[in-house]
Protein backbone atom coordinates (compact mmCIF):
# COMPACT_ATOMS: atom_id res chain seq x y z
CA MET A 1 -32.38 28.98 11.23
CA LEU A 2 -28.89 28.22 9.90
CA LEU A 3 -28.46 24.80 8.36
CA LYS A 4 -25.39 22.81 9.33
CA LYS A 5 -22.93 22.55 6.46
CA PRO A 6 -22.35 18.88 5.58
CA SER A 7 -18.90 17.52 6.28
CA ALA A 8 -16.60 16.30 3.53
CA ALA A 9 -17.40 12.70 4.48
CA GLU A 10 -21.14 13.40 4.30
CA ARG A 11 -20.72 14.92 0.82
CA THR A 12 -18.82 11.86 -0.43
CA PRO A 13 -21.11 9.28 -2.09
CA ALA A 14 -21.66 6.14 -0.03
CA HIS A 15 -20.12 3.83 -2.64
CA GLU A 16 -16.97 5.99 -2.66
CA GLN A 17 -16.71 5.85 1.13
CA VAL A 18 -17.00 2.05 1.09
CA TYR A 19 -14.51 1.79 -1.76
CA ARG A 20 -11.87 3.92 -0.03
CA ARG A 21 -12.18 2.14 3.30
CA LEU A 22 -12.19 -1.36 1.85
CA ARG A 23 -9.35 -0.48 -0.52
CA GLY A 24 -7.26 0.82 2.37
CA GLU A 25 -7.81 -2.32 4.44
CA ILE A 26 -6.79 -4.56 1.54
CA MET A 27 -3.73 -2.51 0.56
CA ASN A 28 -2.46 -2.21 4.13
CA GLY A 29 -2.69 -5.92 4.81
CA SER A 30 -5.57 -5.74 7.28
CA MET A 31 -7.12 -8.76 5.54
CA PRO A 32 -5.40 -12.12 4.97
CA PRO A 33 -5.18 -13.60 1.46
CA GLY A 34 -8.10 -15.76 0.45
CA LYS A 35 -10.50 -14.07 2.86
CA ALA A 36 -14.06 -14.49 1.59
CA LEU A 37 -16.22 -11.37 1.54
CA THR A 38 -19.99 -11.13 1.27
CA LEU A 39 -21.90 -8.02 0.33
CA ARG A 40 -24.09 -8.38 3.40
CA GLY A 41 -21.09 -8.87 5.64
CA VAL A 42 -19.27 -5.79 4.35
CA ALA A 43 -22.49 -3.75 4.52
CA ALA A 44 -23.02 -4.74 8.15
CA ASP A 45 -19.38 -4.06 9.10
CA PHE A 46 -19.26 -0.66 7.40
CA GLY A 47 -22.80 0.47 8.20
CA PHE A 48 -24.00 0.87 4.61
CA SER A 49 -26.66 -0.72 2.43
CA ILE A 50 -25.94 -3.45 -0.11
CA THR A 51 -26.02 -1.15 -3.18
CA PRO A 52 -22.93 1.01 -2.44
CA VAL A 53 -21.05 -2.07 -1.24
CA ARG A 54 -21.80 -3.88 -4.50
CA GLU A 55 -20.43 -0.93 -6.51
CA ALA A 56 -17.28 -0.70 -4.36
CA VAL A 57 -16.63 -4.44 -4.67
CA ARG A 58 -17.11 -4.25 -8.44
CA ARG A 59 -14.45 -1.53 -8.70
CA LEU A 60 -12.01 -3.44 -6.50
CA CYS A 61 -12.46 -6.61 -8.55
CA ALA A 62 -11.65 -4.61 -11.69
CA GLU A 63 -8.43 -3.39 -10.01
CA GLY A 64 -7.35 -6.88 -9.02
CA ALA A 65 -7.74 -6.14 -5.31
CA LEU A 66 -10.47 -8.78 -5.08
CA SER A 67 -10.97 -11.92 -7.11
CA VAL A 68 -14.20 -13.59 -8.17
CA SER A 69 -14.44 -17.36 -8.63
CA GLN A 70 -16.59 -19.07 -11.25
CA SER A 71 -19.21 -19.64 -8.56
CA GLY A 72 -19.26 -15.91 -7.80
CA ARG A 73 -17.33 -16.11 -4.52
CA VAL A 74 -15.48 -12.86 -3.78
CA SER A 75 -12.21 -13.00 -1.86
CA THR A 76 -8.89 -11.25 -1.39
CA PRO A 77 -6.24 -12.53 -3.83
CA GLU A 78 -3.71 -15.23 -3.04
CA LEU A 79 -0.51 -14.59 -4.98
CA THR A 80 1.75 -17.28 -6.38
CA HIS A 81 5.53 -16.92 -6.25
CA ASP A 82 5.55 -16.06 -9.95
CA ARG A 83 2.98 -13.35 -9.41
CA ILE A 84 5.02 -11.85 -6.55
CA GLU A 85 8.06 -11.79 -8.83
CA GLU A 86 6.04 -10.04 -11.53
CA LEU A 87 4.78 -7.39 -9.13
CA ALA A 88 8.32 -6.89 -7.82
CA ALA A 89 9.52 -6.25 -11.37
CA LEU A 90 6.79 -3.65 -11.90
CA ARG A 91 7.69 -1.87 -8.68
CA ALA A 92 11.38 -1.94 -9.62
CA LEU A 93 10.56 -0.13 -12.85
CA LEU A 94 8.16 2.47 -11.50
CA GLU A 95 9.31 3.35 -8.00
CA PRO A 96 12.89 4.45 -8.79
CA GLU A 97 11.43 6.81 -11.39
CA LEU A 98 8.97 8.23 -8.88
CA SER A 99 11.74 8.73 -6.33
CA SER A 100 13.87 10.51 -8.93
CA ARG A 101 11.04 12.90 -9.77
CA ALA A 102 10.41 13.51 -6.08
CA LEU A 103 14.03 14.32 -5.22
CA PRO A 104 13.97 18.04 -6.14
CA ARG A 105 10.96 18.53 -3.83
CA ALA A 106 12.16 16.33 -0.95
CA HIS A 107 12.65 18.99 1.72
CA THR A 108 14.22 18.42 5.12
CA VAL A 109 10.88 18.20 6.94
CA LEU A 110 9.78 15.35 4.66
CA ILE A 111 13.05 13.45 5.12
CA ASP A 112 12.85 13.87 8.90
CA ARG A 113 9.30 12.53 8.85
CA MET A 114 10.37 9.52 6.79
CA GLU A 115 13.14 8.84 9.31
CA VAL A 116 10.61 8.82 12.14
CA LEU A 117 8.46 6.42 10.10
CA ASN A 118 11.45 4.15 9.63
CA ASP A 119 12.08 4.05 13.38
CA THR A 120 8.41 3.15 13.90
CA ILE A 121 8.75 0.36 11.35
CA ASP A 122 11.53 -1.07 13.51
CA GLN A 123 9.11 -1.14 16.43
CA THR A 124 6.44 -3.02 14.46
CA ILE A 125 9.04 -5.67 13.67
CA ILE A 126 9.97 -5.99 17.34
CA ASN A 127 6.26 -6.28 18.17
CA LYS A 128 5.73 -8.82 15.35
CA ASP A 129 2.98 -6.60 13.96
CA ALA A 130 2.90 -7.70 10.31
CA ALA A 131 -0.10 -5.57 9.32
CA GLY A 132 1.51 -2.53 10.94
CA TYR A 133 4.75 -3.25 9.10
CA VAL A 134 3.00 -3.37 5.71
CA ARG A 135 1.01 -0.19 6.39
CA LEU A 136 3.97 1.86 7.59
CA ASN A 137 6.29 0.57 4.89
CA LEU A 138 3.85 1.75 2.24
CA GLU A 139 3.46 5.08 4.05
CA PHE A 140 7.26 5.49 4.02
CA HIS A 141 7.34 5.08 0.25
CA ARG A 142 4.12 6.97 -0.51
CA SER A 143 5.21 10.03 1.47
CA LEU A 144 8.16 10.35 -0.90
CA TYR A 145 6.34 9.48 -4.11
CA LEU A 146 3.64 12.08 -3.51
CA ARG A 147 6.35 14.71 -3.97
CA ALA A 148 6.93 13.44 -7.52
CA GLN A 149 3.70 15.10 -8.69
CA ALA A 150 3.11 12.19 -11.06
CA PRO A 151 -0.41 11.01 -10.17
CA ALA A 152 -0.81 8.55 -13.05
CA MET A 153 2.44 6.79 -12.20
CA LEU A 154 1.62 6.71 -8.50
CA ALA A 155 -1.81 5.25 -9.28
CA MET A 156 -0.12 2.39 -11.14
CA VAL A 157 2.17 1.71 -8.17
CA GLU A 158 -0.75 1.76 -5.76
CA THR A 159 -2.56 -0.80 -7.91
CA VAL A 160 0.42 -3.12 -7.44
CA TRP A 161 0.42 -2.45 -3.69
CA LEU A 162 -3.32 -3.13 -3.64
CA GLN A 163 -2.96 -6.54 -5.26
CA SER A 164 -0.11 -7.59 -3.00
CA GLY A 165 -1.27 -6.25 0.39
CA PRO A 166 -2.93 -9.38 1.85
CA THR A 167 -0.15 -11.75 0.72
CA MET A 168 2.58 -9.39 1.94
CA ARG A 169 0.96 -9.26 5.37
CA GLU A 170 0.81 -13.04 5.67
CA LEU A 171 4.33 -13.66 4.39
CA TYR A 172 5.95 -10.93 6.46
CA GLY A 173 4.22 -12.41 9.48
CA LYS A 174 5.89 -15.77 8.82
CA LYS A 175 9.37 -14.38 8.19
CA GLN A 176 11.80 -13.29 10.88
CA ARG A 177 12.59 -9.78 9.70
CA GLN A 178 15.65 -7.79 10.67
CA LEU A 179 15.25 -4.22 11.82
CA ALA A 180 14.28 -1.70 9.17
CA SER A 181 15.94 -2.40 5.87
CA ILE A 182 19.37 -0.96 5.32
CA ASN A 183 17.97 0.19 1.99
CA HIS A 184 15.57 2.54 3.79
CA ARG A 185 18.55 4.14 5.45
CA LYS A 186 20.30 4.35 2.08
CA ILE A 187 17.18 6.05 0.67
CA LEU A 188 17.26 8.61 3.47
CA ALA A 189 20.99 9.23 3.04
CA ALA A 190 20.62 9.72 -0.72
CA LEU A 191 17.75 12.15 -0.18
CA ARG A 192 19.79 14.22 2.25
CA ALA A 193 22.74 14.25 -0.16
CA GLY A 194 20.60 14.98 -3.23
CA ASP A 195 22.22 11.94 -4.88
CA GLU A 196 19.82 10.75 -7.60
CA PRO A 197 21.75 7.66 -8.81
CA SER A 198 22.14 6.37 -5.25
CA LEU A 199 18.48 7.07 -4.54
CA ARG A 200 17.27 5.14 -7.58
CA LEU A 201 19.55 2.23 -6.69
CA ALA A 202 18.45 2.13 -3.05
CA VAL A 203 14.76 2.21 -3.97
CA ARG A 204 15.19 -0.54 -6.54
CA GLN A 205 17.13 -2.74 -4.11
CA ASP A 206 14.56 -2.16 -1.39
CA VAL A 207 11.69 -3.18 -3.62
CA LEU A 208 13.40 -6.28 -5.02
CA ASN A 209 14.87 -7.47 -1.74
CA GLY A 210 11.65 -6.89 0.17
CA LEU A 211 9.50 -8.93 -2.19
CA ARG A 212 11.92 -11.58 -3.41
CA MET A 213 12.96 -12.57 0.12
CA LEU A 214 9.38 -13.76 0.49
CA VAL A 215 9.64 -16.32 -2.29
């Protein structure tokens, strides 16, 4: 009798599955800032035992995606205005460099896909879908940065996104946003023209304007 080959998900350790799923929900703004999490609650929601959940939560606390109080309470972070400014400064340093490295590999299919994403972002704003806005905005940027082939730099950027996801979701939900940032359209135009200085400038402006308007 032939044995069924396990799927990729089945071969992935349970703690890694919990980590990836919980990390994605935090980064994409699916959870509000200050949301308390319990190991039993996460285990019940995700369908895993306590042990892999504990390991995943430990990793996320080390990355700043979750915070632990002196009493041991685990929750999503609540960022101060100063902290948002600091994260904006980090993004403004790293993301223009990633975009510059990605430019030589930014083919027409990628740019077209980013344009479709940008149109979808407009729709989330119309629908007042803050979590959708955060998720798609990150997807817009990540789809470009993956072409940079700079995994260490991208990992640093994703750590910043991870720490800011819940707060960004709440604050975007309170603000009346215009349709997709003009800087996104400048990014797309610079990519099509192969204009590196304009691309770096548009990415930097997008990052700074997007975060600093919240404070």
